[in-house]
Amino acid sequence: MSDLIWLSEAQMRRIEPHFPLSHGVPRVDDRRIISGIIFVIRNGLRWRDAPAEYGLPKTIYNRFIRWSRMGVFNRIFAALSA
């Protein structure tokens, strides 16, 4: 698929300070998962329709739900809009 969305290294550096710390088990690649979340939301897809290049749909969904509840995305949006 040529229309995949990938955040650049510069974009990741801007939002990484707002990510929660990993506790014990290393997380799946943040760039891949965040890019997958953006792709799904931007295209109005179901989580299970996310391209395989972004990883398992359950991982993408779980990260979105967990970080949404923790307010991670709100902090990112507030910092980027400031």
N, C-alpha and C. Protein backbone atom coordinates (compact mmCIF):
# COMPACT_ATOMS: atom_id res chain seq x y z
N MET A 1 0.84 -1.18 0.00
CA MET A 1 0.00 0.00 0.00
C MET A 1 0.88 1.24 0.00
N SER A 2 0.65 2.10 -0.93
CA SER A 2 1.49 3.29 -1.02
C SER A 2 0.91 4.47 -0.25
N ASP A 3 -0.31 4.35 0.23
CA ASP A 3 -0.94 5.48 0.93
C ASP A 3 -0.83 5.37 2.45
N LEU A 4 0.12 4.58 2.93
CA LEU A 4 0.32 4.46 4.37
C LEU A 4 0.86 5.77 4.93
N ILE A 5 0.51 6.05 6.16
CA ILE A 5 0.95 7.27 6.84
C ILE A 5 2.03 6.88 7.84
N TRP A 6 3.18 7.53 7.76
CA TRP A 6 4.25 7.29 8.72
C TRP A 6 4.70 8.64 9.28
N LEU A 7 4.71 8.74 10.59
CA LEU A 7 5.23 9.95 11.21
C LEU A 7 6.73 10.02 10.99
N SER A 8 7.24 11.22 10.76
CA SER A 8 8.68 11.40 10.57
C SER A 8 9.38 11.35 11.92
N GLU A 9 10.70 11.25 11.86
CA GLU A 9 11.49 11.26 13.09
C GLU A 9 11.31 12.58 13.85
N ALA A 10 11.23 13.69 13.11
CA ALA A 10 11.03 14.99 13.76
C ALA A 10 9.68 15.05 14.46
N GLN A 11 8.66 14.53 13.82
CA GLN A 11 7.33 14.52 14.44
C GLN A 11 7.33 13.65 15.69
N MET A 12 8.00 12.52 15.62
CA MET A 12 8.05 11.63 16.80
C MET A 12 8.80 12.31 17.95
N ARG A 13 9.87 13.02 17.65
CA ARG A 13 10.61 13.71 18.71
C ARG A 13 9.75 14.74 19.42
N ARG A 14 8.83 15.36 18.69
CA ARG A 14 7.96 16.38 19.29
C ARG A 14 6.92 15.78 20.23
N ILE A 15 6.45 14.57 19.93
CA ILE A 15 5.38 14.00 20.74
C ILE A 15 5.86 12.97 21.76
N GLU A 16 7.06 12.43 21.59
CA GLU A 16 7.57 11.40 22.51
C GLU A 16 7.61 11.81 23.97
N PRO A 17 7.92 13.07 24.31
CA PRO A 17 7.96 13.42 25.73
C PRO A 17 6.62 13.23 26.45
N HIS A 18 5.54 13.13 25.69
CA HIS A 18 4.22 12.98 26.29
C HIS A 18 3.79 11.52 26.45
N PHE A 19 4.60 10.58 25.96
CA PHE A 19 4.28 9.16 26.08
C PHE A 19 4.52 8.71 27.52
N PRO A 20 3.67 7.84 28.03
CA PRO A 20 3.93 7.29 29.37
C PRO A 20 5.15 6.36 29.32
N LEU A 21 5.79 6.19 30.45
CA LEU A 21 6.93 5.30 30.53
C LEU A 21 6.48 3.85 30.43
N SER A 22 7.31 3.03 29.85
CA SER A 22 7.03 1.59 29.75
C SER A 22 7.36 0.95 31.09
N HIS A 23 6.52 0.05 31.53
CA HIS A 23 6.74 -0.62 32.82
C HIS A 23 7.10 -2.08 32.57
N GLY A 24 8.39 -2.36 32.59
CA GLY A 24 8.85 -3.74 32.44
C GLY A 24 8.97 -4.19 31.00
N VAL A 25 7.87 -4.62 30.41
CA VAL A 25 7.88 -5.17 29.07
C VAL A 25 8.04 -4.04 28.05
N PRO A 26 9.02 -4.16 27.15
CA PRO A 26 9.18 -3.12 26.13
C PRO A 26 7.95 -3.03 25.23
N ARG A 27 7.57 -1.80 24.88
CA ARG A 27 6.41 -1.59 24.01
C ARG A 27 6.74 -1.92 22.58
N VAL A 28 5.69 -2.25 21.83
CA VAL A 28 5.82 -2.36 20.38
C VAL A 28 6.16 -0.98 19.86
N ASP A 29 6.88 -0.90 18.76
CA ASP A 29 7.36 0.35 18.17
C ASP A 29 6.29 1.45 18.19
N ASP A 30 6.56 2.51 18.95
CA ASP A 30 5.61 3.61 19.10
C ASP A 30 5.27 4.27 17.76
N ARG A 31 6.28 4.47 16.92
CA ARG A 31 6.05 5.14 15.64
C ARG A 31 5.07 4.34 14.78
N ARG A 32 5.24 3.04 14.75
CA ARG A 32 4.37 2.19 13.94
C ARG A 32 2.93 2.22 14.47
N ILE A 33 2.77 2.13 15.79
CA ILE A 33 1.44 2.09 16.38
C ILE A 33 0.74 3.43 16.25
N ILE A 34 1.42 4.53 16.56
CA ILE A 34 0.82 5.86 16.45
C ILE A 34 0.44 6.14 15.00
N SER A 35 1.30 5.77 14.06
CA SER A 35 0.99 5.95 12.64
C SER A 35 -0.25 5.13 12.26
N GLY A 36 -0.37 3.93 12.82
CA GLY A 36 -1.54 3.10 12.57
C GLY A 36 -2.81 3.72 13.12
N ILE A 37 -2.73 4.30 14.31
CA ILE A 37 -3.89 4.98 14.91
C ILE A 37 -4.33 6.14 14.03
N ILE A 38 -3.38 6.93 13.58
CA ILE A 38 -3.70 8.06 12.71
C ILE A 38 -4.34 7.57 11.41
N PHE A 39 -3.80 6.51 10.84
CA PHE A 39 -4.32 5.97 9.58
C PHE A 39 -5.77 5.51 9.75
N VAL A 40 -6.05 4.78 10.81
CA VAL A 40 -7.40 4.26 11.05
C VAL A 40 -8.39 5.40 11.25
N ILE A 41 -8.05 6.37 12.08
CA ILE A 41 -8.95 7.48 12.37
C ILE A 41 -9.15 8.35 11.13
N ARG A 42 -8.06 8.66 10.45
CA ARG A 42 -8.14 9.52 9.26
C ARG A 42 -9.02 8.92 8.17
N ASN A 43 -8.96 7.60 8.02
CA ASN A 43 -9.71 6.94 6.96
C ASN A 43 -11.05 6.37 7.42
N GLY A 44 -11.39 6.55 8.68
CA GLY A 44 -12.67 6.08 9.20
C GLY A 44 -12.82 4.57 9.14
N LEU A 45 -11.74 3.86 9.40
CA LEU A 45 -11.74 2.41 9.31
C LEU A 45 -12.08 1.77 10.65
N ARG A 46 -12.44 0.51 10.59
CA ARG A 46 -12.52 -0.29 11.80
C ARG A 46 -11.09 -0.68 12.16
N TRP A 47 -10.83 -0.91 13.43
CA TRP A 47 -9.47 -1.24 13.86
C TRP A 47 -8.97 -2.47 13.13
N ARG A 48 -9.82 -3.44 12.93
CA ARG A 48 -9.39 -4.68 12.28
C ARG A 48 -9.06 -4.50 10.80
N ASP A 49 -9.39 -3.35 10.23
CA ASP A 49 -9.09 -3.07 8.83
C ASP A 49 -7.77 -2.30 8.66
N ALA A 50 -7.05 -2.10 9.75
CA ALA A 50 -5.75 -1.42 9.66
C ALA A 50 -4.78 -2.29 8.87
N PRO A 51 -4.00 -1.69 7.98
CA PRO A 51 -3.01 -2.46 7.22
C PRO A 51 -2.04 -3.20 8.14
N ALA A 52 -1.63 -4.36 7.72
CA ALA A 52 -0.73 -5.20 8.53
C ALA A 52 0.60 -4.54 8.82
N GLU A 53 1.01 -3.59 7.99
CA GLU A 53 2.29 -2.90 8.21
C GLU A 53 2.33 -2.15 9.54
N TYR A 54 1.18 -1.83 10.09
CA TYR A 54 1.12 -1.11 11.36
C TYR A 54 1.14 -2.04 12.57
N GLY A 55 1.03 -3.32 12.34
CA GLY A 55 1.02 -4.27 13.44
C GLY A 55 -0.36 -4.86 13.64
N LEU A 56 -0.51 -5.57 14.73
CA LEU A 56 -1.78 -6.22 15.02
C LEU A 56 -2.86 -5.19 15.36
N PRO A 57 -4.04 -5.34 14.79
CA PRO A 57 -5.13 -4.39 15.08
C PRO A 57 -5.44 -4.30 16.57
N LYS A 58 -5.35 -5.41 17.29
CA LYS A 58 -5.63 -5.40 18.72
C LYS A 58 -4.62 -4.54 19.47
N THR A 59 -3.37 -4.57 19.04
CA THR A 59 -2.34 -3.74 19.67
C THR A 59 -2.61 -2.27 19.41
N ILE A 60 -2.96 -1.94 18.18
CA ILE A 60 -3.27 -0.55 17.82
C ILE A 60 -4.46 -0.06 18.64
N TYR A 61 -5.51 -0.86 18.70
CA TYR A 61 -6.72 -0.50 19.44
C TYR A 61 -6.41 -0.34 20.94
N ASN A 62 -5.71 -1.32 21.50
CA ASN A 62 -5.42 -1.28 22.94
C ASN A 62 -4.61 -0.05 23.31
N ARG A 63 -3.62 0.29 22.49
CA ARG A 63 -2.80 1.48 22.77
C ARG A 63 -3.66 2.74 22.69
N PHE A 64 -4.53 2.82 21.68
CA PHE A 64 -5.40 3.98 21.54
C PHE A 64 -6.30 4.13 22.77
N ILE A 65 -6.94 3.05 23.18
CA ILE A 65 -7.86 3.10 24.33
C ILE A 65 -7.10 3.45 25.61
N ARG A 66 -5.99 2.76 25.85
CA ARG A 66 -5.24 2.98 27.09
C ARG A 66 -4.72 4.42 27.17
N TRP A 67 -4.12 4.91 26.10
CA TRP A 67 -3.57 6.26 26.11
C TRP A 67 -4.66 7.32 26.10
N SER A 68 -5.80 7.02 25.50
CA SER A 68 -6.92 7.97 25.54
C SER A 68 -7.40 8.14 26.96
N ARG A 69 -7.55 7.04 27.67
CA ARG A 69 -8.01 7.10 29.07
C ARG A 69 -7.01 7.81 29.97
N MET A 70 -5.74 7.70 29.63
CA MET A 70 -4.69 8.34 30.42
C MET A 70 -4.51 9.82 30.06
N GLY A 71 -5.16 10.28 29.00
CA GLY A 71 -5.06 11.67 28.59
C GLY A 71 -3.82 11.98 27.77
N VAL A 72 -3.15 10.96 27.26
CA VAL A 72 -1.92 11.17 26.50
C VAL A 72 -2.18 12.00 25.25
N PHE A 73 -3.22 11.65 24.50
CA PHE A 73 -3.51 12.38 23.27
C PHE A 73 -3.93 13.82 23.55
N ASN A 74 -4.65 14.04 24.64
CA ASN A 74 -5.02 15.41 25.01
C ASN A 74 -3.78 16.25 25.29
N ARG A 75 -2.80 15.67 25.98
CA ARG A 75 -1.55 16.39 26.27
C ARG A 75 -0.78 16.67 24.99
N ILE A 76 -0.75 15.70 24.08
CA ILE A 76 -0.05 15.90 22.81
C ILE A 76 -0.70 17.03 22.03
N PHE A 77 -2.02 16.98 21.90
CA PHE A 77 -2.74 18.02 21.14
C PHE A 77 -2.56 19.40 21.76
N ALA A 78 -2.60 19.47 23.10
CA ALA A 78 -2.42 20.75 23.78
C ALA A 78 -1.01 21.30 23.53
N ALA A 79 -0.02 20.43 23.59
CA ALA A 79 1.36 20.88 23.38
C ALA A 79 1.57 21.33 21.93
N LEU A 80 1.00 20.61 20.98
CA LEU A 80 1.19 20.96 19.58
C LEU A 80 0.45 22.24 19.21
N SER A 81 -0.64 22.51 19.87
CA SER A 81 -1.42 23.71 19.53
C SER A 81 -0.93 24.95 20.27
N ALA A 82 -0.07 24.75 21.26
CA ALA A 82 0.43 25.91 22.03
C ALA A 82 1.44 26.71 21.24
